[in-house]
Protein backbone atom coordinates (compact mmCIF):
# COMPACT_ATOMS: atom_id res chain seq x y z
CA UNK A 1 3.83 -9.40 11.86
CA UNK A 2 7.16 -8.28 13.47
CA UNK A 3 8.60 -5.08 15.16
CA UNK A 4 11.48 -4.84 12.93
CA UNK A 5 10.71 -5.18 9.13
CA UNK A 6 12.14 -4.01 5.90
CA UNK A 7 10.77 -0.74 5.45
CA UNK A 8 9.65 0.21 8.47
CA UNK A 9 8.33 -1.16 11.78
CA UNK A 10 6.00 -3.76 12.70
CA UNK A 11 4.28 -1.19 15.03
CA UNK A 12 4.62 2.20 12.64
CA UNK A 13 2.82 -0.25 9.78
CA UNK A 14 -0.21 -1.30 12.31
CA UNK A 15 0.08 2.37 13.11
CA UNK A 16 -0.86 3.08 9.53
CA UNK A 17 -2.91 -0.13 9.27
CA UNK A 18 -5.56 1.15 12.08
CA UNK A 19 -6.03 4.90 10.41
CA UNK A 20 -7.23 2.73 7.30
CA UNK A 21 -9.09 -0.27 8.96
CA UNK A 22 -9.82 0.12 11.96
CA UNK A 23 -11.51 -3.93 12.48
CA UNK A 24 -8.07 -5.11 10.74
CA UNK A 25 -7.02 -7.58 14.36
CA UNK A 26 -2.71 -7.74 14.34
CA UNK A 27 -0.45 -9.86 16.20
CA UNK A 28 2.72 -8.75 16.81
CA UNK A 29 5.80 -11.77 17.54
CA UNK A 30 8.85 -10.61 18.35
CA UNK A 31 12.12 -11.17 19.61
CA UNK A 32 12.02 -7.86 21.12
CA UNK A 33 11.62 -8.02 24.79
CA UNK A 34 11.50 -4.31 25.60
CA UNK A 35 8.14 -3.47 27.79
CA UNK A 36 7.83 -0.03 25.80
CA UNK A 37 7.41 -2.12 22.99
CA UNK A 38 4.48 -4.38 24.88
CA UNK A 39 3.08 -0.79 25.11
CA UNK A 40 3.51 0.75 21.75
CA UNK A 41 1.70 -2.76 20.74
CA UNK A 42 -1.46 -1.13 23.46
CA UNK A 43 -2.13 1.66 22.23
CA UNK A 44 -2.13 1.24 18.82
CA UNK A 45 -4.48 -1.77 19.18
CA UNK A 46 -2.76 -4.46 18.52
CA UNK A 47 -4.95 -7.80 19.61
CA UNK A 48 -1.74 -9.75 21.11
CA UNK A 49 1.83 -9.63 21.77
CA UNK A 50 3.94 -13.18 21.72
CA UNK A 51 7.52 -13.61 21.69
CA UNK A 52 9.68 -15.43 20.14
CA UNK A 53 10.46 -19.01 20.18
CA UNK A 54 6.47 -18.76 20.09
CA UNK A 55 4.99 -22.47 21.14
CA UNK A 56 2.46 -23.38 18.61
CA UNK A 57 -0.19 -23.48 21.28
CA UNK A 58 0.33 -19.95 22.56
CA UNK A 59 -0.72 -19.09 18.59
CA UNK A 60 -3.29 -21.64 18.01
CA UNK A 61 -4.70 -20.11 21.44
CA UNK A 62 -4.27 -16.55 20.18
CA UNK A 63 -5.63 -16.53 16.72
CA UNK A 64 -8.61 -18.84 18.45
CA UNK A 65 -9.10 -15.66 20.50
CA UNK A 66 -8.85 -12.84 17.29
CA UNK A 67 -10.82 -14.77 15.26
CA UNK A 68 -13.40 -14.85 17.50
CA UNK A 69 -13.54 -11.52 18.19
CA UNK A 70 -13.79 -10.72 14.26
CA UNK A 71 -17.05 -13.28 14.31
CA UNK A 72 -18.52 -11.05 17.45
CA UNK A 73 -18.02 -7.52 15.55
CA UNK A 74 -18.56 -9.07 11.76
CA UNK A 75 -21.62 -8.88 9.18
CA UNK A 76 -23.09 -12.48 9.06
CA UNK A 77 -23.41 -11.68 5.31
CA UNK A 78 -19.08 -12.50 4.90
CA UNK A 79 -16.13 -12.00 5.80
CA UNK A 80 -14.94 -9.42 3.85
CA UNK A 81 -17.84 -7.02 4.77
CA UNK A 82 -15.53 -5.04 6.58
CA UNK A 83 -13.27 -4.79 3.79
CA UNK A 84 -15.60 -3.51 0.52
CA UNK A 85 -15.60 0.07 1.37
CA UNK A 86 -12.28 0.12 1.68
CA UNK A 87 -11.33 0.75 -1.90
CA UNK A 88 -11.85 4.76 -0.93
CA UNK A 89 -9.32 4.45 1.17
CA UNK A 90 -6.28 2.43 0.09
CA UNK A 91 -7.15 5.13 -2.90
CA UNK A 92 -6.51 7.87 -0.84
CA UNK A 93 -3.35 6.21 -0.12
CA UNK A 94 -2.11 5.18 -3.05
CA UNK A 95 -2.52 9.01 -4.33
CA UNK A 96 -0.86 10.67 -1.72
CA UNK A 97 2.23 7.77 -2.00
CA UNK A 98 2.33 6.94 -5.69
CA UNK A 99 5.67 8.49 -5.62
CA UNK A 100 7.35 6.14 -3.32
CA UNK A 101 8.15 2.54 -4.82
CA UNK A 102 4.65 1.32 -4.26
CA UNK A 103 4.32 -2.94 -5.22
CA UNK A 104 1.22 -4.85 -5.17
CA UNK A 105 2.38 -6.71 -2.57
CA UNK A 106 3.13 -3.97 -0.14
CA UNK A 107 0.04 -2.24 -0.32
CA UNK A 108 -2.02 -5.42 -0.45
CA UNK A 109 -0.39 -6.60 2.53
CA UNK A 110 -0.55 -3.47 3.88
CA UNK A 111 -4.21 -3.25 4.13
CA UNK A 112 -4.58 -7.43 4.99
CA UNK A 113 -4.84 -8.66 1.52
CA UNK A 114 -3.26 -11.41 -0.63
CA UNK A 115 -1.41 -10.01 -2.98
CA UNK A 116 -3.41 -12.36 -5.19
CA UNK A 117 -6.59 -11.20 -3.91
CA UNK A 118 -5.54 -7.47 -3.65
CA UNK A 119 -4.93 -7.61 -7.67
CA UNK A 120 -7.96 -8.45 -8.38
CA UNK A 121 -10.20 -6.46 -5.88
CA UNK A 122 -8.27 -3.60 -7.12
CA UNK A 123 -9.44 -4.17 -11.15
CA UNK A 124 -12.99 -5.11 -9.91
CA UNK A 125 -12.97 -1.64 -7.71
CA UNK A 126 -11.42 0.73 -9.53
CA UNK A 127 -11.45 -1.16 -14.13
CA UNK A 128 -7.66 -0.67 -14.45
CA UNK A 129 -4.40 -2.76 -12.25
CA UNK A 130 -3.06 -1.61 -9.86
CA UNK A 131 -0.10 -0.60 -12.03
CA UNK A 132 -2.01 1.52 -14.56
CA UNK A 133 -3.91 3.46 -12.08
CA UNK A 134 -0.36 4.40 -10.89
CA UNK A 135 1.23 4.84 -13.93
CA UNK A 136 -1.99 6.95 -14.98
CA UNK A 137 -0.90 9.52 -11.49
CA UNK A 138 2.23 9.76 -12.30
CA UNK A 139 1.19 10.61 -16.06
CA UNK A 140 -0.13 14.61 -14.98
CA UNK A 141 2.43 15.37 -13.22
CA UNK A 142 4.27 14.34 -16.28
CA UNK A 143 3.51 16.50 -18.75
CA UNK A 144 3.02 19.88 -16.70
CA UNK A 145 6.14 19.31 -15.84
CA UNK A 146 7.56 18.63 -19.12
CA UNK A 147 4.80 22.19 -20.35
CA UNK A 148 5.74 24.27 -17.89
CA UNK A 149 9.31 23.27 -16.82
CA UNK A 150 12.94 23.05 -18.65
CA UNK A 151 14.42 20.01 -16.86
CA UNK A 152 15.20 17.30 -18.15
CA UNK A 153 13.65 14.54 -20.12
CA UNK A 154 15.29 12.01 -17.60
CA UNK A 155 14.87 13.79 -14.54
CA UNK A 156 11.44 14.16 -15.37
CA UNK A 157 11.52 10.51 -15.08
CA UNK A 158 12.71 10.58 -12.20
CA UNK A 159 11.47 12.99 -10.10
CA UNK A 160 8.11 10.52 -11.13
CA UNK A 161 9.98 7.22 -9.73
CA UNK A 162 10.37 6.07 -13.35
CA UNK A 163 13.09 3.11 -13.31
CA UNK A 164 14.31 5.41 -16.40
CA UNK A 165 13.84 8.04 -18.83
CA UNK A 166 13.91 5.19 -21.46
CA UNK A 167 11.10 3.55 -19.64
CA UNK A 168 9.01 7.02 -19.02
CA UNK A 169 9.61 7.44 -22.55
CA UNK A 170 7.76 4.06 -23.43
CA UNK A 171 5.09 4.57 -21.04
CA UNK A 172 4.62 8.26 -22.15
CA UNK A 173 3.63 7.04 -25.50
CA UNK A 174 1.71 4.53 -24.57
CA UNK A 175 -0.75 7.17 -23.14
CA UNK A 176 -0.37 10.09 -24.85
CA UNK A 177 0.23 8.97 -28.69
CA UNK A 178 3.43 10.39 -28.47
CA UNK A 179 6.87 10.89 -26.76
CA UNK A 180 7.36 13.29 -23.64
CA UNK A 181 10.20 15.66 -26.08
CA UNK A 182 7.52 15.60 -28.92
CA UNK A 183 5.05 16.80 -26.50
CA UNK A 184 6.83 18.97 -24.90
CA UNK A 185 7.50 20.29 -28.80
CA UNK A 186 3.75 20.03 -29.90
CA UNK A 187 2.32 22.60 -27.05
CA UNK A 188 4.83 24.57 -26.30
CA UNK A 189 4.57 26.10 -30.05
C-alpha cells in the first residue's frame, strides 16, 4: 500500500485495518521519505516501510519476512483461517458506512480480500450479495422517511446515497412491491 491513495492515506487505511483484522500484514511502499510517516507506520503495526524506487531484492526480502511471520502465527489448517470469523467485522463496518459510496472492490481491499473472493465469501456467509445487503440497509430508513417526513422522494434518494430518484424508485418497488409514492400514500391513510 502507498501513503498517498485516492480516498484516504495508506496510514489511515492501515489504522482501520488493524482495528478489524489485527493479524493482517501490510507493507508500505512510498516515495515519501519522512520520518513521521515511518513512526506512524510502526505505531500502526506496518510490517515494512520501503522507499520508492524499491529494488526487487528488497521487496522479495520483505515479502519473505512477512510470509514467514504469517506461517508462524497461522493455524496449520488454512491460510485463510484468520479471516473466517471476520464476517461480523465486515458487516459492522458496512452497517456504519453504508451511506457512503461503498463498493465491493474498496470493501474487499479494506479487509485484505480480492474482489472476486470477497463477493463469493460475502454471499456464502450472508446468503445475499454485497449490493443487495447495502440496498436492504437503505430501504428500512427510506420507509421511515417516507412515513414520518414530508421530504420529497428525490431528497430521500439523495440522503440515502442512491444515484437518482428514479433508480431509488425502481429498487424500492423491487423490494417492497410498490413505488415509494404508493408506499407513502398507502401507509398514511
